[in-house]
Amino acid sequence: MDMRKHIEDRAGLALTYADDGAYFSAGRVLRELAAEVEAHARGYHALLTGNRYAEEDCPGHVASRDDNTVCGRCGVEIAALRPDDPCDPINLAGSGPVPIEPKEG
């Protein structure tokens, strides 16, 4: 089914519920529709760009196999995000650059 037609159909159903005073049902239909449209948009974005994530949804930037200056997940330029000092210690747990302290004992 065409996404635009699907949006029109589901929005019409939500309006019908709202006209009848069933606002919770209208809200449920609209929430489901929003999730469907977002999933469709993410899939279309991945198809067009070859990336699995939109930039704002990227779970963590990882250099692309083909070009290490861009993220292989979302395509954002990551060269500028790297620390100036390549010897900066980085917390591998993902919280960003932090000093690594030696443990005693």
N, C-alpha and C. Protein backbone atom coordinates (compact mmCIF):
# COMPACT_ATOMS: atom_id res chain seq x y z
N MET A 1 0.84 -1.18 0.00
CA MET A 1 0.00 0.00 0.00
C MET A 1 0.89 1.25 0.00
N ASP A 2 0.46 2.25 -0.70
CA ASP A 2 1.15 3.53 -0.74
C ASP A 2 1.11 4.18 0.65
N MET A 3 2.25 4.66 1.14
CA MET A 3 2.32 5.24 2.49
C MET A 3 1.41 6.44 2.61
N ARG A 4 1.33 7.27 1.58
CA ARG A 4 0.47 8.45 1.67
C ARG A 4 -1.00 8.02 1.84
N LYS A 5 -1.43 7.03 1.11
CA LYS A 5 -2.80 6.52 1.22
C LYS A 5 -3.03 5.93 2.62
N HIS A 6 -2.03 5.21 3.13
CA HIS A 6 -2.13 4.63 4.46
C HIS A 6 -2.29 5.73 5.52
N ILE A 7 -1.52 6.80 5.38
CA ILE A 7 -1.61 7.93 6.32
C ILE A 7 -3.01 8.54 6.27
N GLU A 8 -3.52 8.76 5.06
CA GLU A 8 -4.86 9.34 4.92
C GLU A 8 -5.92 8.44 5.55
N ASP A 9 -5.82 7.12 5.33
CA ASP A 9 -6.80 6.18 5.88
C ASP A 9 -6.76 6.18 7.41
N ARG A 10 -5.55 6.10 7.99
CA ARG A 10 -5.43 6.03 9.45
C ARG A 10 -5.80 7.36 10.10
N ALA A 11 -5.43 8.48 9.47
CA ALA A 11 -5.81 9.78 10.01
C ALA A 11 -7.33 9.94 9.95
N GLY A 12 -7.95 9.45 8.89
CA GLY A 12 -9.41 9.49 8.80
C GLY A 12 -10.06 8.67 9.90
N LEU A 13 -9.50 7.50 10.20
CA LEU A 13 -10.03 6.68 11.29
C LEU A 13 -9.89 7.41 12.62
N ALA A 14 -8.74 8.04 12.84
CA ALA A 14 -8.54 8.80 14.09
C ALA A 14 -9.55 9.94 14.20
N LEU A 15 -9.83 10.63 13.10
CA LEU A 15 -10.83 11.70 13.12
C LEU A 15 -12.23 11.16 13.41
N THR A 16 -12.54 9.99 12.88
CA THR A 16 -13.84 9.37 13.15
C THR A 16 -13.97 9.07 14.64
N TYR A 17 -12.91 8.49 15.22
CA TYR A 17 -12.92 8.23 16.67
C TYR A 17 -13.08 9.53 17.44
N ALA A 18 -12.35 10.58 17.05
CA ALA A 18 -12.42 11.85 17.75
C ALA A 18 -13.81 12.46 17.63
N ASP A 19 -14.44 12.36 16.46
CA ASP A 19 -15.80 12.87 16.29
C ASP A 19 -16.79 12.18 17.20
N ASP A 20 -16.52 10.90 17.50
CA ASP A 20 -17.39 10.14 18.40
C ASP A 20 -17.01 10.32 19.86
N GLY A 21 -15.99 11.11 20.14
CA GLY A 21 -15.56 11.34 21.51
C GLY A 21 -14.61 10.28 22.04
N ALA A 22 -14.17 9.39 21.20
CA ALA A 22 -13.25 8.32 21.62
C ALA A 22 -11.81 8.81 21.42
N TYR A 23 -11.40 9.75 22.25
CA TYR A 23 -10.09 10.39 22.07
C TYR A 23 -8.93 9.45 22.39
N PHE A 24 -9.12 8.54 23.35
CA PHE A 24 -8.06 7.57 23.63
C PHE A 24 -7.82 6.67 22.42
N SER A 25 -8.89 6.25 21.78
CA SER A 25 -8.75 5.41 20.59
C SER A 25 -8.11 6.19 19.45
N ALA A 26 -8.50 7.46 19.31
CA ALA A 26 -7.89 8.30 18.28
C ALA A 26 -6.40 8.46 18.53
N GLY A 27 -6.03 8.67 19.78
CA GLY A 27 -4.62 8.81 20.14
C GLY A 27 -3.84 7.54 19.86
N ARG A 28 -4.45 6.38 20.16
CA ARG A 28 -3.79 5.10 19.91
C ARG A 28 -3.52 4.92 18.41
N VAL A 29 -4.52 5.23 17.60
CA VAL A 29 -4.36 5.11 16.14
C VAL A 29 -3.26 6.04 15.65
N LEU A 30 -3.21 7.26 16.18
CA LEU A 30 -2.19 8.22 15.75
C LEU A 30 -0.80 7.81 16.22
N ARG A 31 -0.69 7.25 17.44
CA ARG A 31 0.62 6.76 17.91
C ARG A 31 1.11 5.62 17.03
N GLU A 32 0.22 4.69 16.71
CA GLU A 32 0.60 3.57 15.84
C GLU A 32 1.01 4.08 14.46
N LEU A 33 0.25 5.05 13.96
CA LEU A 33 0.57 5.63 12.65
C LEU A 33 1.93 6.32 12.68
N ALA A 34 2.21 7.06 13.74
CA ALA A 34 3.50 7.74 13.85
C ALA A 34 4.64 6.74 13.83
N ALA A 35 4.49 5.63 14.55
CA ALA A 35 5.54 4.60 14.56
C ALA A 35 5.71 3.99 13.18
N GLU A 36 4.62 3.74 12.47
CA GLU A 36 4.69 3.16 11.13
C GLU A 36 5.37 4.12 10.15
N VAL A 37 5.02 5.39 10.23
CA VAL A 37 5.61 6.38 9.32
C VAL A 37 7.10 6.53 9.63
N GLU A 38 7.46 6.56 10.90
CA GLU A 38 8.87 6.68 11.27
C GLU A 38 9.67 5.47 10.78
N ALA A 39 9.12 4.27 10.95
CA ALA A 39 9.80 3.07 10.47
C ALA A 39 9.97 3.11 8.95
N HIS A 40 8.93 3.57 8.27
CA HIS A 40 9.01 3.70 6.81
C HIS A 40 10.10 4.70 6.42
N ALA A 41 10.14 5.83 7.12
CA ALA A 41 11.13 6.86 6.82
C ALA A 41 12.54 6.35 7.07
N ARG A 42 12.74 5.61 8.17
CA ARG A 42 14.06 5.05 8.46
C ARG A 42 14.49 4.07 7.36
N GLY A 43 13.57 3.24 6.94
CA GLY A 43 13.88 2.29 5.87
C GLY A 43 14.22 3.00 4.57
N TYR A 44 13.46 4.04 4.26
CA TYR A 44 13.70 4.80 3.03
C TYR A 44 15.03 5.53 3.11
N HIS A 45 15.35 6.08 4.30
CA HIS A 45 16.62 6.76 4.51
C HIS A 45 17.78 5.78 4.28
N ALA A 46 17.66 4.59 4.85
CA ALA A 46 18.71 3.59 4.69
C ALA A 46 18.86 3.19 3.22
N LEU A 47 17.74 3.07 2.53
CA LEU A 47 17.78 2.71 1.11
C LEU A 47 18.48 3.78 0.28
N LEU A 48 18.17 5.04 0.57
CA LEU A 48 18.74 6.15 -0.21
C LEU A 48 20.21 6.40 0.11
N THR A 49 20.57 6.28 1.37
CA THR A 49 21.93 6.65 1.76
C THR A 49 22.86 5.46 1.94
N GLY A 50 22.30 4.27 2.03
CA GLY A 50 23.13 3.10 2.31
C GLY A 50 23.51 3.00 3.76
N ASN A 51 22.96 3.87 4.60
CA ASN A 51 23.25 3.87 6.03
C ASN A 51 22.07 3.29 6.80
N ARG A 52 22.37 2.62 7.88
CA ARG A 52 21.32 1.98 8.66
C ARG A 52 20.62 2.92 9.62
N TYR A 53 21.23 4.04 9.99
CA TYR A 53 20.67 4.93 10.99
C TYR A 53 20.65 6.37 10.48
N ALA A 54 19.68 7.13 10.95
CA ALA A 54 19.73 8.57 10.76
C ALA A 54 20.78 9.10 11.75
N GLU A 55 21.38 10.22 11.45
CA GLU A 55 22.47 10.74 12.29
C GLU A 55 22.07 10.87 13.75
N GLU A 56 20.88 11.41 14.02
CA GLU A 56 20.46 11.64 15.41
C GLU A 56 20.16 10.34 16.16
N ASP A 57 19.97 9.24 15.44
CA ASP A 57 19.66 7.96 16.07
C ASP A 57 20.85 7.00 16.10
N CYS A 58 22.00 7.45 15.63
CA CYS A 58 23.18 6.58 15.57
C CYS A 58 23.58 6.17 16.99
N PRO A 59 23.71 4.86 17.25
CA PRO A 59 24.05 4.41 18.60
C PRO A 59 25.50 4.68 18.98
N GLY A 60 26.33 5.05 18.05
CA GLY A 60 27.73 5.35 18.30
C GLY A 60 28.47 5.36 16.98
N HIS A 61 29.22 6.42 16.74
CA HIS A 61 29.89 6.55 15.45
C HIS A 61 31.06 5.57 15.34
N VAL A 62 31.11 4.86 14.24
CA VAL A 62 32.17 3.90 13.94
C VAL A 62 32.65 4.18 12.52
N ALA A 63 33.96 4.24 12.35
CA ALA A 63 34.49 4.56 11.03
C ALA A 63 34.05 3.53 9.98
N SER A 64 33.72 4.03 8.81
CA SER A 64 33.32 3.18 7.69
C SER A 64 34.52 2.38 7.18
N ARG A 65 34.27 1.19 6.66
CA ARG A 65 35.35 0.39 6.07
C ARG A 65 35.93 1.08 4.84
N ASP A 66 35.08 1.77 4.10
CA ASP A 66 35.52 2.39 2.85
C ASP A 66 36.18 3.75 3.04
N ASP A 67 35.74 4.49 4.08
CA ASP A 67 36.25 5.83 4.31
C ASP A 67 36.26 6.08 5.82
N ASN A 68 37.45 6.12 6.42
CA ASN A 68 37.51 6.24 7.88
C ASN A 68 37.23 7.64 8.40
N THR A 69 36.87 8.56 7.53
CA THR A 69 36.52 9.90 7.99
C THR A 69 35.01 10.06 8.18
N VAL A 70 34.21 9.05 7.81
CA VAL A 70 32.76 9.11 7.99
C VAL A 70 32.29 7.88 8.77
N CYS A 71 31.19 8.04 9.46
CA CYS A 71 30.61 6.95 10.24
C CYS A 71 29.98 5.92 9.30
N GLY A 72 30.29 4.66 9.51
CA GLY A 72 29.73 3.60 8.69
C GLY A 72 28.29 3.29 9.02
N ARG A 73 27.77 3.81 10.13
CA ARG A 73 26.38 3.56 10.51
C ARG A 73 25.43 4.64 10.00
N CYS A 74 25.86 5.91 10.11
CA CYS A 74 24.94 6.99 9.75
C CYS A 74 25.48 7.91 8.66
N GLY A 75 26.76 7.84 8.36
CA GLY A 75 27.33 8.65 7.29
C GLY A 75 27.81 10.03 7.70
N VAL A 76 27.73 10.38 8.98
CA VAL A 76 28.16 11.70 9.42
C VAL A 76 29.69 11.79 9.37
N GLU A 77 30.20 13.00 9.13
CA GLU A 77 31.65 13.25 9.11
C GLU A 77 32.16 13.11 10.54
N ILE A 78 33.04 12.16 10.79
CA ILE A 78 33.52 11.93 12.15
C ILE A 78 34.94 12.40 12.38
N ALA A 79 35.63 12.81 11.34
CA ALA A 79 37.02 13.26 11.51
C ALA A 79 37.09 14.42 12.50
N ALA A 80 36.15 15.34 12.44
CA ALA A 80 36.16 16.51 13.32
C ALA A 80 35.78 16.14 14.75
N LEU A 81 35.17 14.98 14.96
CA LEU A 81 34.75 14.55 16.30
C LEU A 81 35.88 13.89 17.07
N ARG A 82 36.95 13.52 16.38
CA ARG A 82 38.07 12.84 17.03
C ARG A 82 38.86 13.83 17.88
N PRO A 83 39.45 13.35 18.99
CA PRO A 83 40.27 14.25 19.82
C PRO A 83 41.50 14.72 19.05
N ASP A 84 41.98 15.93 19.39
CA ASP A 84 43.16 16.48 18.73
C ASP A 84 44.40 15.63 18.98
N ASP A 85 44.53 15.12 20.20
CA ASP A 85 45.68 14.31 20.56
C ASP A 85 45.36 12.84 20.32
N PRO A 86 45.99 12.19 19.33
CA PRO A 86 45.67 10.80 19.04
C PRO A 86 46.05 9.85 20.18
N CYS A 87 46.88 10.33 21.12
CA CYS A 87 47.27 9.48 22.25
C CYS A 87 46.34 9.66 23.45
N ASP A 88 45.30 10.48 23.30
CA ASP A 88 44.33 10.65 24.38
C ASP A 88 43.75 9.29 24.75
N PRO A 89 43.78 8.93 26.03
CA PRO A 89 43.15 7.66 26.41
C PRO A 89 41.64 7.78 26.28
N ILE A 90 41.01 6.75 25.82
CA ILE A 90 39.57 6.75 25.62
C ILE A 90 38.97 5.62 26.43
N ASN A 91 37.90 5.91 27.11
CA ASN A 91 37.18 4.89 27.87
C ASN A 91 36.44 4.00 26.90
N LEU A 92 36.79 2.74 26.84
CA LEU A 92 36.18 1.83 25.88
C LEU A 92 34.73 1.52 26.22
N ALA A 93 34.29 1.89 27.41
CA ALA A 93 32.89 1.68 27.77
C ALA A 93 31.99 2.67 27.05
N GLY A 94 32.57 3.71 26.46
CA GLY A 94 31.78 4.61 25.63
C GLY A 94 31.41 5.94 26.24
N SER A 95 31.97 6.31 27.39
CA SER A 95 31.58 7.58 27.99
C SER A 95 32.45 8.73 27.51
N GLY A 96 33.35 8.48 26.60
CA GLY A 96 34.15 9.55 26.02
C GLY A 96 35.55 9.57 26.59
N PRO A 97 36.36 10.56 26.18
CA PRO A 97 37.74 10.64 26.64
C PRO A 97 37.81 10.89 28.14
N VAL A 98 38.50 10.03 28.85
CA VAL A 98 38.71 10.20 30.29
C VAL A 98 40.13 9.76 30.62
N PRO A 99 40.71 10.36 31.64
CA PRO A 99 42.03 9.90 32.05
C PRO A 99 41.93 8.48 32.62
N ILE A 100 42.91 7.67 32.33
CA ILE A 100 42.95 6.30 32.86
C ILE A 100 43.91 6.30 34.04
N GLU A 101 43.37 5.97 35.20
CA GLU A 101 44.16 5.93 36.42
C GLU A 101 44.63 4.51 36.70
N PRO A 102 45.90 4.32 37.07
CA PRO A 102 46.35 2.97 37.42
C PRO A 102 45.70 2.52 38.74
N LYS A 103 45.41 1.23 38.82
CA LYS A 103 44.82 0.68 40.04
C LYS A 103 45.93 0.20 40.96
N GLU A 104 45.70 0.36 42.24
CA GLU A 104 46.67 -0.12 43.22
C GLU A 104 46.30 -1.53 43.65
N GLY A 105 47.32 -2.33 43.92
CA GLY A 105 47.11 -3.64 44.51
C GLY A 105 46.76 -4.66 43.57
